[in-house]
Amino acid sequence: MNRRLIVQLVLVAVVWLGIATAVWACPTCKQAIAEGGNAEGLVRGYYYSILFMMSMPFLILGGLGAYFYWEVRRARSRPSVAASSLGGVVRQGR
């Protein structure tokens, strides 16, 4: 890489880290903590929201994978449909 580009990237990273401040919770959670609300319920809510967000990619990819697997199996179980769509011409492998 070009030395100038590396210096620029390091400079951007230093400035970015220098101006970063502590991240506050959402306004509703912040207000609930300030009013002395139920902290146990808040922690449980964070736990379930993280659990939900972490499971979504696996559920989506697993669902798509299962759907495609099912479609391939269904297509392979009906070879006569493929032959008729080719006009009766089916090539045999050598």
PDB file of N, CA and C in Angstrom:
ATOM      1  N   MET A   1       0.842  -1.194   0.000  1.00  0.00           N
ATOM      2  CA  MET A   1       0.000   0.000   0.000  1.00  0.00           C
ATOM      3  C   MET A   1       0.881   1.249   0.000  1.00  0.00           C
ATOM      4  N   ASN A   2       0.291   2.279  -0.455  1.00  0.00           N
ATOM      5  CA  ASN A   2       0.979   3.545  -0.489  1.00  0.00           C
ATOM      6  C   ASN A   2       1.160   4.058   0.936  1.00  0.00           C
ATOM      7  N   ARG A   3       2.331   4.588   1.254  1.00  0.00           N
ATOM      8  CA  ARG A   3       2.609   5.067   2.608  1.00  0.00           C
ATOM      9  C   ARG A   3       1.675   6.214   3.011  1.00  0.00           C
ATOM     10  N   ARG A   4       1.350   7.042   2.075  1.00  0.00           N
ATOM     11  CA  ARG A   4       0.463   8.172   2.365  1.00  0.00           C
ATOM     12  C   ARG A   4      -0.935   7.694   2.761  1.00  0.00           C
ATOM     13  N   LEU A   5      -1.411   6.646   2.092  1.00  0.00           N
ATOM     14  CA  LEU A   5      -2.714   6.082   2.403  1.00  0.00           C
ATOM     15  C   LEU A   5      -2.726   5.488   3.811  1.00  0.00           C
ATOM     16  N   ILE A   6      -1.652   4.809   4.175  1.00  0.00           N
ATOM     17  CA  ILE A   6      -1.562   4.229   5.515  1.00  0.00           C
ATOM     18  C   ILE A   6      -1.574   5.314   6.572  1.00  0.00           C
ATOM     19  N   VAL A   7      -0.838   6.386   6.335  1.00  0.00           N
ATOM     20  CA  VAL A   7      -0.818   7.503   7.291  1.00  0.00           C
ATOM     21  C   VAL A   7      -2.207   8.120   7.419  1.00  0.00           C
ATOM     22  N   GLN A   8      -2.903   8.262   6.320  1.00  0.00           N
ATOM     23  CA  GLN A   8      -4.253   8.825   6.364  1.00  0.00           C
ATOM     24  C   GLN A   8      -5.203   7.916   7.133  1.00  0.00           C
ATOM     25  N   LEU A   9      -5.130   6.616   6.917  1.00  0.00           N
ATOM     26  CA  LEU A   9      -5.992   5.681   7.645  1.00  0.00           C
ATOM     27  C   LEU A   9      -5.714   5.707   9.141  1.00  0.00           C
ATOM     28  N   VAL A  10      -4.445   5.767   9.518  1.00  0.00           N
ATOM     29  CA  VAL A  10      -4.095   5.841  10.941  1.00  0.00           C
ATOM     30  C   VAL A  10      -4.601   7.145  11.531  1.00  0.00           C
ATOM     31  N   LEU A  11      -4.471   8.228  10.812  1.00  0.00           N
ATOM     32  CA  LEU A  11      -4.944   9.528  11.287  1.00  0.00           C
ATOM     33  C   LEU A  11      -6.458   9.521  11.478  1.00  0.00           C
ATOM     34  N   VAL A  12      -7.182   8.953  10.533  1.00  0.00           N
ATOM     35  CA  VAL A  12      -8.635   8.868  10.654  1.00  0.00           C
ATOM     36  C   VAL A  12      -9.018   8.019  11.863  1.00  0.00           C
ATOM     37  N   ALA A  13      -8.328   6.914  12.069  1.00  0.00           N
ATOM     38  CA  ALA A  13      -8.628   6.046  13.209  1.00  0.00           C
ATOM     39  C   ALA A  13      -8.357   6.754  14.523  1.00  0.00           C
ATOM     40  N   VAL A  14      -7.272   7.508  14.617  1.00  0.00           N
ATOM     41  CA  VAL A  14      -6.949   8.229  15.850  1.00  0.00           C
ATOM     42  C   VAL A  14      -7.986   9.310  16.128  1.00  0.00           C
ATOM     43  N   VAL A  15      -8.382  10.051  15.104  1.00  0.00           N
ATOM     44  CA  VAL A  15      -9.393  11.094  15.289  1.00  0.00           C
ATOM     45  C   VAL A  15     -10.728  10.470  15.673  1.00  0.00           C
ATOM     46  N   TRP A  16     -11.089   9.381  15.033  1.00  0.00           N
ATOM     47  CA  TRP A  16     -12.353   8.707  15.322  1.00  0.00           C
ATOM     48  C   TRP A  16     -12.387   8.210  16.768  1.00  0.00           C
ATOM     49  N   LEU A  17     -11.307   7.594  17.207  1.00  0.00           N
ATOM     50  CA  LEU A  17     -11.250   7.112  18.587  1.00  0.00           C
ATOM     51  C   LEU A  17     -11.172   8.268  19.582  1.00  0.00           C
ATOM     52  N   GLY A  18     -10.584   9.390  19.175  1.00  0.00           N
ATOM     53  CA  GLY A  18     -10.466  10.543  20.062  1.00  0.00           C
ATOM     54  C   GLY A  18     -11.786  11.240  20.323  1.00  0.00           C
ATOM     55  N   ILE A  19     -12.672  11.247  19.344  1.00  0.00           N
ATOM     56  CA  ILE A  19     -13.932  11.956  19.527  1.00  0.00           C
ATOM     57  C   ILE A  19     -15.065  11.044  19.966  1.00  0.00           C
ATOM     58  N   ALA A  20     -14.784   9.744  20.028  1.00  0.00           N
ATOM     59  CA  ALA A  20     -15.827   8.803  20.448  1.00  0.00           C
ATOM     60  C   ALA A  20     -16.151   9.036  21.919  1.00  0.00           C
ATOM     61  N   THR A  21     -17.410   9.060  22.225  1.00  0.00           N
ATOM     62  CA  THR A  21     -17.834   9.240  23.612  1.00  0.00           C
ATOM     63  C   THR A  21     -18.535   7.980  24.070  1.00  0.00           C
ATOM     64  N   ALA A  22     -18.825   7.936  25.330  1.00  0.00           N
ATOM     65  CA  ALA A  22     -19.526   6.778  25.871  1.00  0.00           C
ATOM     66  C   ALA A  22     -20.901   6.686  25.228  1.00  0.00           C
ATOM     67  N   VAL A  23     -21.280   5.494  24.880  1.00  0.00           N
ATOM     68  CA  VAL A  23     -22.567   5.273  24.238  1.00  0.00           C
ATOM     69  C   VAL A  23     -23.633   5.142  25.318  1.00  0.00           C
ATOM     70  N   TRP A  24     -24.701   5.914  25.170  1.00  0.00           N
ATOM     71  CA  TRP A  24     -25.796   5.862  26.126  1.00  0.00           C
ATOM     72  C   TRP A  24     -26.835   4.874  25.619  1.00  0.00           C
ATOM     73  N   ALA A  25     -27.583   4.372  26.535  1.00  0.00           N
ATOM     74  CA  ALA A  25     -28.664   3.456  26.176  1.00  0.00           C
ATOM     75  C   ALA A  25     -29.760   4.238  25.467  1.00  0.00           C
ATOM     76  N   CYS A  26     -30.741   3.514  24.988  1.00  0.00           N
ATOM     77  CA  CYS A  26     -31.850   4.186  24.326  1.00  0.00           C
ATOM     78  C   CYS A  26     -32.534   5.109  25.341  1.00  0.00           C
ATOM     79  N   PRO A  27     -33.201   6.156  24.890  1.00  0.00           N
ATOM     80  CA  PRO A  27     -33.805   7.113  25.815  1.00  0.00           C
ATOM     81  C   PRO A  27     -34.794   6.483  26.797  1.00  0.00           C
ATOM     82  N   THR A  28     -35.536   5.495  26.355  1.00  0.00           N
ATOM     83  CA  THR A  28     -36.502   4.863  27.249  1.00  0.00           C
ATOM     84  C   THR A  28     -35.781   4.108  28.362  1.00  0.00           C
ATOM     85  N   CYS A  29     -34.739   3.366  28.028  1.00  0.00           N
ATOM     86  CA  CYS A  29     -33.983   2.624  29.038  1.00  0.00           C
ATOM     87  C   CYS A  29     -33.262   3.577  29.979  1.00  0.00           C
ATOM     88  N   LYS A  30     -32.704   4.637  29.421  1.00  0.00           N
ATOM     89  CA  LYS A  30     -31.994   5.624  30.243  1.00  0.00           C
ATOM     90  C   LYS A  30     -32.944   6.262  31.246  1.00  0.00           C
ATOM     91  N   GLN A  31     -34.139   6.586  30.808  1.00  0.00           N
ATOM     92  CA  GLN A  31     -35.130   7.188  31.700  1.00  0.00           C
ATOM     93  C   GLN A  31     -35.579   6.187  32.763  1.00  0.00           C
ATOM     94  N   ALA A  32     -35.737   4.930  32.393  1.00  0.00           N
ATOM     95  CA  ALA A  32     -36.159   3.915  33.360  1.00  0.00           C
ATOM     96  C   ALA A  32     -35.110   3.719  34.444  1.00  0.00           C
ATOM     97  N   ILE A  33     -33.851   3.761  34.077  1.00  0.00           N
ATOM     98  CA  ILE A  33     -32.792   3.617  35.072  1.00  0.00           C
ATOM     99  C   ILE A  33     -32.732   4.853  35.953  1.00  0.00           C
ATOM    100  N   ALA A  34     -32.885   6.030  35.361  1.00  0.00           N
ATOM    101  CA  ALA A  34     -32.827   7.271  36.137  1.00  0.00           C
ATOM    102  C   ALA A  34     -33.966   7.363  37.146  1.00  0.00           C
ATOM    103  N   GLU A  35     -35.117   6.831  36.816  1.00  0.00           N
ATOM    104  CA  GLU A  35     -36.260   6.879  37.724  1.00  0.00           C
ATOM    105  C   GLU A  35     -36.239   5.753  38.741  1.00  0.00           C
ATOM    106  N   GLY A  36     -35.199   4.942  38.725  1.00  0.00           N
ATOM    107  CA  GLY A  36     -35.094   3.852  39.693  1.00  0.00           C
ATOM    108  C   GLY A  36     -36.026   2.699  39.373  1.00  0.00           C
ATOM    109  N   GLY A  37     -36.211   2.444  38.101  1.00  0.00           N
ATOM    110  CA  GLY A  37     -37.106   1.370  37.681  1.00  0.00           C
ATOM    111  C   GLY A  37     -36.520   0.000  37.953  1.00  0.00           C
ATOM    112  N   ASN A  38     -37.187  -0.992  37.477  1.00  0.00           N
ATOM    113  CA  ASN A  38     -36.803  -2.369  37.693  1.00  0.00           C
ATOM    114  C   ASN A  38     -35.605  -2.709  36.789  1.00  0.00           C
ATOM    115  N   ALA A  39     -34.413  -2.751  37.373  1.00  0.00           N
ATOM    116  CA  ALA A  39     -33.206  -3.039  36.598  1.00  0.00           C
ATOM    117  C   ALA A  39     -33.178  -4.494  36.159  1.00  0.00           C
ATOM    118  N   GLU A  40     -33.782  -5.380  36.927  1.00  0.00           N
ATOM    119  CA  GLU A  40     -33.787  -6.801  36.566  1.00  0.00           C
ATOM    120  C   GLU A  40     -34.558  -7.016  35.270  1.00  0.00           C
ATOM    121  N   GLY A  41     -35.684  -6.348  35.121  1.00  0.00           N
ATOM    122  CA  GLY A  41     -36.463  -6.463  33.888  1.00  0.00           C
ATOM    123  C   GLY A  41     -35.716  -5.894  32.696  1.00  0.00           C
ATOM    124  N   LEU A  42     -34.948  -4.842  32.924  1.00  0.00           N
ATOM    125  CA  LEU A  42     -34.166  -4.231  31.856  1.00  0.00           C
ATOM    126  C   LEU A  42     -33.066  -5.186  31.382  1.00  0.00           C
ATOM    127  N   VAL A  43     -32.403  -5.820  32.339  1.00  0.00           N
ATOM    128  CA  VAL A  43     -31.357  -6.772  31.984  1.00  0.00           C
ATOM    129  C   VAL A  43     -31.949  -7.960  31.236  1.00  0.00           C
ATOM    130  N   ARG A  44     -33.082  -8.452  31.684  1.00  0.00           N
ATOM    131  CA  ARG A  44     -33.742  -9.560  31.005  1.00  0.00           C
ATOM    132  C   ARG A  44     -34.145  -9.167  29.591  1.00  0.00           C
ATOM    133  N   GLY A  45     -34.602  -7.931  29.420  1.00  0.00           N
ATOM    134  CA  GLY A  45     -34.964  -7.443  28.092  1.00  0.00           C
ATOM    135  C   GLY A  45     -33.766  -7.381  27.152  1.00  0.00           C
ATOM    136  N   TYR A  46     -32.620  -6.901  27.655  1.00  0.00           N
ATOM    137  CA  TYR A  46     -31.405  -6.884  26.851  1.00  0.00           C
ATOM    138  C   TYR A  46     -30.995  -8.308  26.469  1.00  0.00           C
ATOM    139  N   TYR A  47     -31.089  -9.223  27.436  1.00  0.00           N
ATOM    140  CA  TYR A  47     -30.705 -10.613  27.180  1.00  0.00           C
ATOM    141  C   TYR A  47     -31.530 -11.201  26.041  1.00  0.00           C
ATOM    142  N   TYR A  48     -32.838 -11.044  26.106  1.00  0.00           N
ATOM    143  CA  TYR A  48     -33.689 -11.634  25.072  1.00  0.00           C
ATOM    144  C   TYR A  48     -33.540 -10.929  23.728  1.00  0.00           C
ATOM    145  N   SER A  49     -33.285  -9.631  23.739  1.00  0.00           N
ATOM    146  CA  SER A  49     -33.098  -8.944  22.462  1.00  0.00           C
ATOM    147  C   SER A  49     -31.800  -9.382  21.790  1.00  0.00           C
ATOM    148  N   ILE A  50     -30.746  -9.575  22.573  1.00  0.00           N
ATOM    149  CA  ILE A  50     -29.488 -10.058  22.004  1.00  0.00           C
ATOM    150  C   ILE A  50     -29.650 -11.484  21.501  1.00  0.00           C
ATOM    151  N   LEU A  51     -30.325 -12.311  22.276  1.00  0.00           N
ATOM    152  CA  LEU A  51     -30.567 -13.692  21.869  1.00  0.00           C
ATOM    153  C   LEU A  51     -31.351 -13.738  20.557  1.00  0.00           C
ATOM    154  N   PHE A  52     -32.359 -12.891  20.437  1.00  0.00           N
ATOM    155  CA  PHE A  52     -33.170 -12.827  19.225  1.00  0.00           C
ATOM    156  C   PHE A  52     -32.338 -12.383  18.029  1.00  0.00           C
ATOM    157  N   MET A  53     -31.529 -11.324  18.213  1.00  0.00           N
ATOM    158  CA  MET A  53     -30.721 -10.816  17.095  1.00  0.00           C
ATOM    159  C   MET A  53     -29.651 -11.811  16.669  1.00  0.00           C
ATOM    160  N   MET A  54     -29.071 -12.543  17.619  1.00  0.00           N
ATOM    161  CA  MET A  54     -28.036 -13.511  17.275  1.00  0.00           C
ATOM    162  C   MET A  54     -28.612 -14.737  16.563  1.00  0.00           C
ATOM    163  N   SER A  55     -29.860 -15.065  16.820  1.00  0.00           N
ATOM    164  CA  SER A  55     -30.443 -16.260  16.211  1.00  0.00           C
ATOM    165  C   SER A  55     -31.016 -15.998  14.821  1.00  0.00           C
ATOM    166  N   MET A  56     -31.296 -14.775  14.481  1.00  0.00           N
ATOM    167  CA  MET A  56     -31.933 -14.480  13.202  1.00  0.00           C
ATOM    168  C   MET A  56     -31.120 -14.904  11.987  1.00  0.00           C
ATOM    169  N   PRO A  57     -29.820 -14.620  11.901  1.00  0.00           N
ATOM    170  CA  PRO A  57     -29.083 -15.075  10.703  1.00  0.00           C
ATOM    171  C   PRO A  57     -29.143 -16.588  10.524  1.00  0.00           C
ATOM    172  N   PHE A  58     -29.041 -17.342  11.624  1.00  0.00           N
ATOM    173  CA  PHE A  58     -29.083 -18.792  11.527  1.00  0.00           C
ATOM    174  C   PHE A  58     -30.469 -19.269  11.088  1.00  0.00           C
ATOM    175  N   LEU A  59     -31.511 -18.652  11.600  1.00  0.00           N
ATOM    176  CA  LEU A  59     -32.859 -19.053  11.214  1.00  0.00           C
ATOM    177  C   LEU A  59     -33.147 -18.718   9.754  1.00  0.00           C
ATOM    178  N   ILE A  60     -32.711 -17.563   9.310  1.00  0.00           N
ATOM    179  CA  ILE A  60     -32.961 -17.161   7.927  1.00  0.00           C
ATOM    180  C   ILE A  60     -32.187 -18.056   6.956  1.00  0.00           C
ATOM    181  N   LEU A  61     -30.884 -18.237   7.220  1.00  0.00           N
ATOM    182  CA  LEU A  61     -30.083 -19.078   6.326  1.00  0.00           C
ATOM    183  C   LEU A  61     -30.519 -20.535   6.387  1.00  0.00           C
ATOM    184  N   GLY A  62     -30.872 -21.009   7.573  1.00  0.00           N
ATOM    185  CA  GLY A  62     -31.361 -22.377   7.693  1.00  0.00           C
ATOM    186  C   GLY A  62     -32.672 -22.575   6.958  1.00  0.00           C
ATOM    187  N   GLY A  63     -33.559 -21.604   7.049  1.00  0.00           N
ATOM    188  CA  GLY A  63     -34.833 -21.685   6.346  1.00  0.00           C
ATOM    189  C   GLY A  63     -34.654 -21.674   4.837  1.00  0.00           C
ATOM    190  N   LEU A  64     -33.787 -20.800   4.347  1.00  0.00           N
ATOM    191  CA  LEU A  64     -33.526 -20.768   2.903  1.00  0.00           C
ATOM    192  C   LEU A  64     -32.858 -22.049   2.432  1.00  0.00           C
ATOM    193  N   GLY A  65     -31.914 -22.546   3.221  1.00  0.00           N
ATOM    194  CA  GLY A  65     -31.248 -23.797   2.857  1.00  0.00           C
ATOM    195  C   GLY A  65     -32.227 -24.954   2.802  1.00  0.00           C
ATOM    196  N   ALA A  66     -33.126 -25.037   3.780  1.00  0.00           N
ATOM    197  CA  ALA A  66     -34.126 -26.107   3.796  1.00  0.00           C
ATOM    198  C   ALA A  66     -35.074 -25.975   2.602  1.00  0.00           C
ATOM    199  N   TYR A  67     -35.456 -24.760   2.268  1.00  0.00           N
ATOM    200  CA  TYR A  67     -36.348 -24.536   1.128  1.00  0.00           C
ATOM    201  C   TYR A  67     -35.684 -24.981  -0.179  1.00  0.00           C
ATOM    202  N   PHE A  68     -34.421 -24.577  -0.381  1.00  0.00           N
ATOM    203  CA  PHE A  68     -33.730 -24.970  -1.606  1.00  0.00           C
ATOM    204  C   PHE A  68     -33.505 -26.469  -1.658  1.00  0.00           C
ATOM    205  N   TYR A  69     -33.178 -27.087  -0.535  1.00  0.00           N
ATOM    206  CA  TYR A  69     -33.008 -28.546  -0.486  1.00  0.00           C
ATOM    207  C   TYR A  69     -34.313 -29.239  -0.867  1.00  0.00           C
ATOM    208  N   TRP A  70     -35.412 -28.759  -0.335  1.00  0.00           N
ATOM    209  CA  TRP A  70     -36.724 -29.335  -0.627  1.00  0.00           C
ATOM    210  C   TRP A  70     -37.053 -29.189  -2.111  1.00  0.00           C
ATOM    211  N   GLU A  71     -36.759 -28.018  -2.685  1.00  0.00           N
ATOM    212  CA  GLU A  71     -37.034 -27.789  -4.106  1.00  0.00           C
ATOM    213  C   GLU A  71     -36.187 -28.687  -5.000  1.00  0.00           C
ATOM    214  N   VAL A  72     -34.925 -28.889  -4.650  1.00  0.00           N
ATOM    215  CA  VAL A  72     -34.060 -29.756  -5.446  1.00  0.00           C
ATOM    216  C   VAL A  72     -34.546 -31.194  -5.363  1.00  0.00           C
ATOM    217  N   ARG A  73     -34.902 -31.643  -4.172  1.00  0.00           N
ATOM    218  CA  ARG A  73     -35.402 -33.016  -4.026  1.00  0.00           C
ATOM    219  C   ARG A  73     -36.688 -33.206  -4.814  1.00  0.00           C
ATOM    220  N   ARG A  74     -37.562 -32.201  -4.781  1.00  0.00           N
ATOM    221  CA  ARG A  74     -38.820 -32.293  -5.518  1.00  0.00           C
ATOM    222  C   ARG A  74     -38.570 -32.319  -7.017  1.00  0.00           C
ATOM    223  N   ALA A  75     -37.612 -31.521  -7.489  1.00  0.00           N
ATOM    224  CA  ALA A  75     -37.304 -31.496  -8.921  1.00  0.00           C
ATOM    225  C   ALA A  75     -36.667 -32.806  -9.372  1.00  0.00           C
ATOM    226  N   ARG A  76     -35.845 -33.410  -8.524  1.00  0.00           N
ATOM    227  CA  ARG A  76     -35.201 -34.674  -8.889  1.00  0.00           C
ATOM    228  C   ARG A  76     -36.171 -35.841  -8.876  1.00  0.00           C
ATOM    229  N   SER A  77     -37.241 -35.712  -8.128  1.00  0.00           N
ATOM    230  CA  SER A  77     -38.199 -36.815  -8.065  1.00  0.00           C
ATOM    231  C   SER A  77     -39.124 -36.847  -9.275  1.00  0.00           C
ATOM    232  N   ARG A  78     -39.084 -35.826 -10.125  1.00  0.00           N
ATOM    233  CA  ARG A  78     -39.936 -35.774 -11.314  1.00  0.00           C
ATOM    234  C   ARG A  78     -39.087 -35.615 -12.575  1.00  0.00           C
ATOM    235  N   PRO A  79     -38.347 -36.636 -12.990  1.00  0.00           N
ATOM    236  CA  PRO A  79     -37.513 -36.496 -14.198  1.00  0.00           C
ATOM    237  C   PRO A  79     -38.323 -36.472 -15.480  1.00  0.00           C
ATOM    238  N   SER A  80     -39.540 -37.002 -15.478  1.00  0.00           N
ATOM    239  CA  SER A  80     -40.341 -37.017 -16.699  1.00  0.00           C
ATOM    240  C   SER A  80     -40.765 -35.609 -17.105  1.00  0.00           C
ATOM    241  N   VAL A  81     -40.899 -34.713 -16.154  1.00  0.00           N
ATOM    242  CA  VAL A  81     -41.267 -33.332 -16.471  1.00  0.00           C
ATOM    243  C   VAL A  81     -40.133 -32.670 -17.230  1.00  0.00           C
ATOM    244  N   ALA A  82     -38.900 -32.903 -16.844  1.00  0.00           N
ATOM    245  CA  ALA A  82     -37.763 -32.302 -17.540  1.00  0.00           C
ATOM    246  C   ALA A  82     -37.642 -32.849 -18.952  1.00  0.00           C
ATOM    247  N   ALA A  83     -37.886 -34.145 -19.140  1.00  0.00           N
ATOM    248  CA  ALA A  83     -37.782 -34.743 -20.467  1.00  0.00           C
ATOM    249  C   ALA A  83     -38.871 -34.208 -21.392  1.00  0.00           C
ATOM    250  N   SER A  84     -40.064 -34.030 -20.885  1.00  0.00           N
ATOM    251  CA  SER A  84     -41.144 -33.550 -21.741  1.00  0.00           C
ATOM    252  C   SER A  84     -40.946 -32.085 -22.107  1.00  0.00           C
ATOM    253  N   SER A  85     -40.290 -31.317 -21.255  1.00  0.00           N
ATOM    254  CA  SER A  85     -40.071 -29.909 -21.591  1.00  0.00           C
ATOM    255  C   SER A  85     -38.983 -29.747 -22.646  1.00  0.00           C
ATOM    256  N   LEU A  86     -38.132 -30.775 -22.820  1.00  0.00           N
ATOM    257  CA  LEU A  86     -37.115 -30.735 -23.858  1.00  0.00           C
ATOM    258  C   LEU A  86     -37.624 -31.270 -25.189  1.00  0.00           C
ATOM    259  N   GLY A  87     -38.866 -31.644 -25.261  1.00  0.00           N
ATOM    260  CA  GLY A  87     -39.422 -32.173 -26.491  1.00  0.00           C
ATOM    261  C   GLY A  87     -39.097 -33.638 -26.682  1.00  0.00           C
ATOM    262  N   GLY A  88     -38.837 -34.341 -25.602  1.00  0.00           N
ATOM    263  CA  GLY A  88     -38.568 -35.763 -25.677  1.00  0.00           C
ATOM    264  C   GLY A  88     -37.102 -36.096 -25.940  1.00  0.00           C
ATOM    265  N   VAL A  89     -36.257 -35.090 -26.082  1.00  0.00           N
ATOM    266  CA  VAL A  89     -34.837 -35.335 -26.352  1.00  0.00           C
ATOM    267  C   VAL A  89     -34.106 -35.318 -25.020  1.00  0.00           C
ATOM    268  N   VAL A  90     -33.563 -36.475 -24.657  1.00  0.00           N
ATOM    269  CA  VAL A  90     -32.802 -36.565 -23.418  1.00  0.00           C
ATOM    270  C   VAL A  90     -31.430 -37.120 -23.781  1.00  0.00           C
ATOM    271  N   ARG A  91     -30.380 -36.378 -23.421  1.00  0.00           N
ATOM    272  CA  ARG A  91     -29.025 -36.802 -23.730  1.00  0.00           C
ATOM    273  C   ARG A  91     -28.494 -37.652 -22.580  1.00  0.00           C
ATOM    274  N   GLN A  92     -27.870 -38.733 -22.958  1.00  0.00           N
ATOM    275  CA  GLN A  92     -27.256 -39.622 -21.966  1.00  0.00           C
ATOM    276  C   GLN A  92     -25.786 -39.238 -21.818  1.00  0.00           C
ATOM    277  N   GLY A  93     -25.304 -39.272 -20.595  1.00  0.00           N
ATOM    278  CA  GLY A  93     -23.876 -39.004 -20.367  1.00  0.00           C
ATOM    279  C   GLY A  93     -23.031 -40.164 -20.810  1.00  0.00           C
ATOM    280  N   ARG A  94     -21.798 -39.898 -21.202  1.00  0.00           N
ATOM    281  CA  ARG A  94     -20.887 -40.960 -21.684  1.00  0.00           C
ATOM    282  C   ARG A  94     -20.102 -41.528 -20.559  1.00  0.00           C
TER     283      ARG A  94
END
